[in-house]
Amino acid sequence: MADEVKYGFVVLHYMAFETTLKCTASLLALEAPLHVVIVDNASPDGSGARLQEYFAQTENVTVLLNQRNEGFARGNNAGYSYLREHFSCAFISVLNNDVLIPDPQFPQKVEAIYRETPFAVLGPDILNPTSGKHQNPAHLKGFTREEVQERLERYQRNLHHFHWNRFKWKLKRLLRPAPASQENAPWQNEAQNVVLHGACYVFSKDFIGPREQCFHPGTFLYFEEEILHWECMRDGLITLYSPSVQVLHLEDVSTDLAFRSSARKDKLKLQESVHSMQVFLNLMNS
């Protein structure tokens, strides 16, 4: 029954079949009534159809097959909208397929956090187990219109002289000193109205009720975090970072599969970032 599903999960899939299986397995191990929607972004290797066949007999998993690669925002919107239309979820979590939720009590802890601070969007502690880096909060404050404009112009210049600038970036990475210890890093403390990392969001009923889509549909990749934060601040919705819940982020598996050449990956990031910042500026100006 729809009203028995309190927790919804959206997993965006692109080619990394085994990675999506591991992610989904961690969700199905959670101790709560839930439904998982896997959105295949038109994977050219046919792995979306394989997932659909794999989970055909799993009642609380739905696999949606996009006819084309819709990117991050619209791909996730498809799963979010499906859950919103078919179930009465109090919470919908949207996560990358390279994210694992190891704590079976994750849903109960999310609900306890909500009772304490009724958030619209929650960001958990996101730990990269390889680097040991904690990725939330993404930023302590959102960008101003002037900052977005300045960054857009800088990215456009970098894209215009892409190969020369990429050579300089690689040289800087080689010469960059190791980062200092961050014993008092902000990830250790709960924080409200910060910009949350895009690998994992938990949307509460305060967000789900008025919002038919979780992300602005105008972008393909990048800057979804900043746009979501700006929209929440505009609409008076609380974003909350809490270290009380944690997920593991294996990071960039699908992007690495799609763009094995790091040069192509870097150029894609610049191109899509420029487009997303233009969308962001238009939204701010409207």
Protein backbone atom coordinates (compact mmCIF):
# COMPACT_ATOMS: atom_id res chain seq x y z
CA MET A 1 0.00 0.00 0.00
CA ALA A 2 1.19 3.50 -0.82
CA ASP A 3 0.64 4.85 2.68
CA GLU A 4 2.92 2.16 4.12
CA VAL A 5 5.94 3.50 2.22
CA LYS A 6 7.36 6.25 4.39
CA TYR A 7 10.79 6.44 2.82
CA GLY A 8 11.57 6.78 -0.87
CA PHE A 9 15.00 6.53 -2.48
CA VAL A 10 16.10 7.64 -5.96
CA VAL A 11 19.27 6.15 -7.44
CA LEU A 12 20.53 7.67 -10.70
CA HIS A 13 22.21 5.01 -12.83
CA TYR A 14 24.59 5.31 -15.78
CA MET A 15 26.48 2.20 -16.95
CA ALA A 16 28.04 1.21 -13.59
CA PHE A 17 25.88 -1.91 -13.14
CA GLU A 18 27.69 -3.51 -10.19
CA THR A 19 27.99 -0.16 -8.42
CA THR A 20 24.22 0.39 -8.66
CA LEU A 21 23.60 -3.12 -7.33
CA LYS A 22 25.77 -2.42 -4.27
CA CYS A 23 24.05 0.92 -3.67
CA THR A 24 20.58 -0.63 -3.94
CA ALA A 25 21.55 -3.56 -1.69
CA SER A 26 22.56 -1.09 1.03
CA LEU A 27 19.13 0.59 0.70
CA LEU A 28 17.18 -2.68 0.83
CA ALA A 29 19.03 -3.53 4.06
CA LEU A 30 17.59 -0.46 5.80
CA GLU A 31 15.12 -1.27 8.56
CA ALA A 32 12.12 0.70 7.31
CA PRO A 33 9.20 0.51 4.85
CA LEU A 34 10.70 1.93 1.66
CA HIS A 35 10.60 2.00 -2.10
CA VAL A 36 13.65 2.42 -4.35
CA VAL A 37 13.43 3.96 -7.81
CA ILE A 38 16.45 3.38 -10.05
CA VAL A 39 16.56 5.80 -12.97
CA ASP A 40 18.65 4.59 -15.90
CA ASN A 41 19.91 7.60 -17.88
CA ALA A 42 19.88 5.78 -21.23
CA SER A 43 23.03 3.77 -20.51
CA PRO A 44 24.53 2.78 -23.88
CA ASP A 45 25.73 -0.58 -22.50
CA GLY A 46 22.18 -1.83 -21.90
CA SER A 47 22.68 -2.01 -18.14
CA GLY A 48 19.35 -0.28 -17.52
CA ALA A 49 17.46 -3.19 -19.07
CA ARG A 50 19.64 -5.60 -17.07
CA LEU A 51 18.67 -3.80 -13.87
CA GLN A 52 15.00 -3.94 -14.83
CA GLU A 53 15.28 -7.69 -15.32
CA TYR A 54 17.35 -8.15 -12.15
CA PHE A 55 14.76 -6.40 -9.95
CA ALA A 56 11.65 -7.62 -11.81
CA GLN A 57 10.58 -9.74 -8.81
CA THR A 58 11.58 -7.21 -6.14
CA GLU A 59 8.34 -5.55 -5.09
CA ASN A 60 9.85 -2.42 -3.56
CA VAL A 61 12.22 -1.57 -6.43
CA THR A 62 11.17 0.17 -9.65
CA VAL A 63 13.54 0.69 -12.58
CA LEU A 64 12.74 3.58 -14.93
CA LEU A 65 14.41 3.69 -18.36
CA ASN A 66 14.97 7.18 -19.75
CA GLN A 67 14.93 7.31 -23.54
CA ARG A 68 17.91 9.68 -23.52
CA ASN A 69 20.54 10.82 -21.06
CA GLU A 70 18.75 13.58 -19.15
CA GLY A 71 21.72 14.51 -16.97
CA PHE A 72 21.74 14.89 -13.20
CA ALA A 73 18.79 17.21 -12.53
CA ARG A 74 16.17 15.85 -14.93
CA GLY A 75 17.28 12.25 -14.38
CA ASN A 76 16.75 12.55 -10.63
CA ASN A 77 13.53 14.51 -11.16
CA ALA A 78 12.06 11.49 -12.96
CA GLY A 79 12.57 9.26 -9.92
CA TYR A 80 11.50 11.92 -7.42
CA SER A 81 8.29 12.64 -9.38
CA TYR A 82 7.49 8.91 -9.61
CA LEU A 83 7.74 8.51 -5.84
CA ARG A 84 5.80 11.70 -5.21
CA GLU A 85 2.96 10.56 -7.49
CA HIS A 86 2.74 6.90 -6.45
CA PHE A 87 3.52 6.98 -2.71
CA SER A 88 2.92 9.14 0.35
CA CYS A 89 6.58 9.47 1.33
CA ALA A 90 7.48 11.57 4.33
CA PHE A 91 11.11 11.51 3.14
CA ILE A 92 12.65 11.07 -0.31
CA SER A 93 16.41 10.54 -0.49
CA VAL A 94 18.16 11.24 -3.79
CA LEU A 95 21.62 9.74 -4.07
CA ASN A 96 24.29 8.90 -6.59
CA ASN A 97 24.66 5.24 -7.49
CA ASP A 98 28.17 5.33 -6.01
CA VAL A 99 26.80 6.08 -2.53
CA LEU A 100 26.35 3.41 0.15
CA ILE A 101 24.27 3.75 3.30
CA PRO A 102 25.88 1.35 5.78
CA ASP A 103 23.72 2.15 8.83
CA PRO A 104 20.42 0.16 8.82
CA GLN A 105 18.96 2.75 11.22
CA PHE A 106 19.52 5.61 8.77
CA PRO A 107 15.76 6.28 8.23
CA GLN A 108 15.01 6.37 11.95
CA LYS A 109 17.92 8.73 12.58
CA VAL A 110 16.73 11.02 9.78
CA GLU A 111 13.27 11.13 11.33
CA ALA A 112 14.75 11.93 14.77
CA ILE A 113 16.73 14.81 13.24
CA TYR A 114 13.56 16.13 11.59
CA ARG A 115 11.69 16.09 14.91
CA GLU A 116 14.46 18.19 16.42
CA THR A 117 14.85 20.55 13.42
CA PRO A 118 12.08 20.40 10.77
CA PHE A 119 14.29 20.65 7.69
CA ALA A 120 13.25 20.79 4.05
CA VAL A 121 16.54 19.32 2.80
CA LEU A 122 19.01 17.32 4.87
CA GLY A 123 22.61 16.58 3.96
CA PRO A 124 24.35 13.72 5.81
CA ASP A 125 28.04 13.40 6.53
CA ILE A 126 29.40 12.20 3.18
CA LEU A 127 32.67 10.32 3.60
CA ASN A 128 34.94 9.29 0.75
CA PRO A 129 36.44 6.08 2.20
CA THR A 130 39.44 6.20 -0.15
CA SER A 131 40.63 9.73 0.63
CA GLY A 132 39.10 10.03 4.10
CA LYS A 133 37.58 13.36 3.05
CA HIS A 134 34.25 14.52 4.47
CA GLN A 135 32.38 16.29 1.66
CA ASN A 136 29.57 18.03 3.50
CA PRO A 137 28.83 20.89 3.81
CA ALA A 138 29.79 21.73 0.24
CA HIS A 139 29.90 25.47 1.07
CA LEU A 140 28.98 27.45 4.17
CA LYS A 141 27.14 30.05 2.11
CA GLY A 142 25.69 30.35 -1.37
CA PHE A 143 27.05 32.43 -4.22
CA THR A 144 25.94 35.98 -4.88
CA ARG A 145 24.90 37.06 -8.38
CA GLU A 146 28.24 38.88 -8.74
CA GLU A 147 30.19 35.78 -7.74
CA VAL A 148 28.35 33.61 -10.25
CA GLN A 149 28.96 36.19 -13.00
CA GLU A 150 32.66 36.39 -12.18
CA ARG A 151 33.01 32.62 -12.14
CA LEU A 152 31.10 32.30 -15.42
CA GLU A 153 33.46 34.72 -17.15
CA ARG A 154 36.49 32.88 -15.74
CA TYR A 155 35.19 29.48 -16.90
CA GLN A 156 34.46 30.88 -20.35
CA ARG A 157 38.06 32.13 -20.60
CA ASN A 158 39.38 28.74 -19.45
CA LEU A 159 37.23 26.96 -22.01
CA HIS A 160 38.43 29.27 -24.80
CA HIS A 161 42.08 28.37 -24.03
CA PHE A 162 41.31 24.89 -22.77
CA HIS A 163 44.46 22.90 -23.63
CA TRP A 164 46.90 25.55 -22.38
CA ASN A 165 44.93 26.06 -19.16
CA ARG A 166 44.66 22.32 -18.58
CA PHE A 167 48.45 22.02 -18.82
CA LYS A 168 48.79 24.75 -16.15
CA TRP A 169 46.26 23.01 -13.88
CA LYS A 170 48.18 19.73 -14.07
CA LEU A 171 51.42 21.53 -13.23
CA LYS A 172 49.80 23.24 -10.23
CA ARG A 173 48.56 19.89 -8.93
CA LEU A 174 52.08 18.49 -9.05
CA LEU A 175 53.51 21.48 -7.19
CA ARG A 176 50.64 21.99 -4.71
CA PRO A 177 51.63 21.21 -1.08
CA ALA A 178 49.69 18.68 0.95
CA PRO A 179 46.68 20.21 2.74
CA ALA A 180 46.97 21.04 6.41
CA SER A 181 45.15 19.00 9.06
CA GLN A 182 41.51 19.94 9.52
CA GLU A 183 40.76 18.84 13.08
CA ASN A 184 38.11 21.56 13.46
CA ALA A 185 36.62 21.13 9.99
CA PRO A 186 32.96 22.22 9.71
CA TRP A 187 31.80 18.69 8.88
CA GLN A 188 31.92 17.88 12.59
CA ASN A 189 29.18 20.36 13.49
CA GLU A 190 25.51 20.61 12.54
CA ALA A 191 24.80 23.67 10.39
CA GLN A 192 21.65 25.27 8.97
CA ASN A 193 21.15 26.86 5.56
CA VAL A 194 24.51 25.76 4.17
CA VAL A 195 25.05 24.50 0.62
CA LEU A 196 24.78 20.70 0.68
CA HIS A 197 26.83 18.26 -1.41
CA GLY A 198 24.92 16.75 -4.33
CA ALA A 199 25.88 13.09 -3.75
CA CYS A 200 23.06 12.57 -1.26
CA TYR A 201 20.03 14.65 -0.25
CA VAL A 202 17.10 13.81 2.00
CA PHE A 203 13.98 15.80 1.14
CA SER A 204 11.29 16.00 3.82
CA LYS A 205 7.53 16.45 3.43
CA ASP A 206 8.13 20.21 3.89
CA PHE A 207 9.90 20.13 0.52
CA ILE A 208 7.98 17.31 -1.18
CA GLY A 209 4.58 18.91 -0.66
CA PRO A 210 5.11 22.12 -2.65
CA ARG A 211 7.86 20.92 -5.02
CA GLU A 212 6.93 18.77 -8.02
CA GLN A 213 10.62 18.44 -8.94
CA CYS A 214 13.63 18.26 -6.67
CA PHE A 215 16.04 20.08 -9.01
CA HIS A 216 15.75 22.95 -11.45
CA PRO A 217 15.39 21.13 -14.80
CA GLY A 218 17.50 23.57 -16.84
CA THR A 219 20.91 22.06 -16.08
CA PHE A 220 22.55 18.86 -17.30
CA LEU A 221 25.53 18.58 -14.94
CA TYR A 222 27.04 20.82 -12.23
CA PHE A 223 25.81 23.71 -10.07
CA GLU A 224 22.67 21.83 -9.01
CA GLU A 225 23.84 22.19 -5.41
CA GLU A 226 24.09 25.98 -5.59
CA ILE A 227 20.81 26.38 -7.46
CA LEU A 228 18.94 24.16 -4.99
CA HIS A 229 20.34 26.16 -2.07
CA TRP A 230 19.38 29.46 -3.70
CA GLU A 231 15.83 28.23 -4.34
CA CYS A 232 15.48 27.03 -0.74
CA MET A 233 16.67 30.38 0.61
CA ARG A 234 14.30 32.19 -1.75
CA ASP A 235 11.36 30.07 -0.58
CA GLY A 236 12.20 30.11 3.13
CA LEU A 237 13.05 26.40 3.29
CA ILE A 238 15.62 25.07 5.76
CA THR A 239 18.67 23.19 4.52
CA LEU A 240 20.40 21.28 7.30
CA TYR A 241 23.73 19.50 7.51
CA SER A 242 23.92 16.85 10.22
CA PRO A 243 26.92 14.65 11.08
CA SER A 244 24.53 12.34 12.97
CA VAL A 245 23.95 10.32 9.79
CA GLN A 246 26.66 9.20 7.41
CA VAL A 247 26.91 7.77 3.89
CA LEU A 248 29.94 6.54 1.95
CA HIS A 249 30.73 8.09 -1.43
CA LEU A 250 32.85 6.07 -3.87
CA GLU A 251 32.77 9.11 -6.19
CA ASP A 252 32.70 9.68 -9.94
CA VAL A 253 32.24 6.05 -11.00
CA SER A 254 29.65 6.78 -13.72
CA THR A 255 31.40 9.92 -14.95
CA ASP A 256 34.70 8.05 -15.17
CA LEU A 257 33.05 5.27 -17.20
CA ALA A 258 31.50 7.76 -19.61
CA PHE A 259 34.66 9.81 -20.07
CA ARG A 260 37.74 7.62 -19.73
CA SER A 261 39.91 10.42 -21.11
CA SER A 262 40.55 12.90 -18.33
CA ALA A 263 40.86 15.66 -20.95
CA ARG A 264 37.35 14.95 -22.21
CA LYS A 265 36.08 14.84 -18.64
CA ASP A 266 37.68 18.20 -17.80
CA LYS A 267 36.30 19.82 -20.95
CA LEU A 268 32.82 18.42 -20.30
CA LYS A 269 32.92 19.84 -16.78
CA LEU A 270 33.82 23.30 -18.10
CA GLN A 271 31.19 23.24 -20.84
CA GLU A 272 28.38 22.06 -18.58
CA SER A 273 29.43 24.40 -15.78
CA VAL A 274 29.24 27.37 -18.16
CA HIS A 275 25.75 26.31 -19.24
CA SER A 276 24.60 25.75 -15.65
CA MET A 277 25.90 29.14 -14.49
CA GLN A 278 24.01 30.81 -17.33
CA VAL A 279 20.85 29.01 -16.15
CA PHE A 280 21.61 30.08 -12.56
CA LEU A 281 22.05 33.74 -13.53
CA ASN A 282 18.80 33.71 -15.52
CA LEU A 283 17.03 32.27 -12.49
CA MET A 284 18.51 34.92 -10.19
CA ASN A 285 17.59 37.71 -12.57
CA SER A 286 14.02 36.49 -12.95
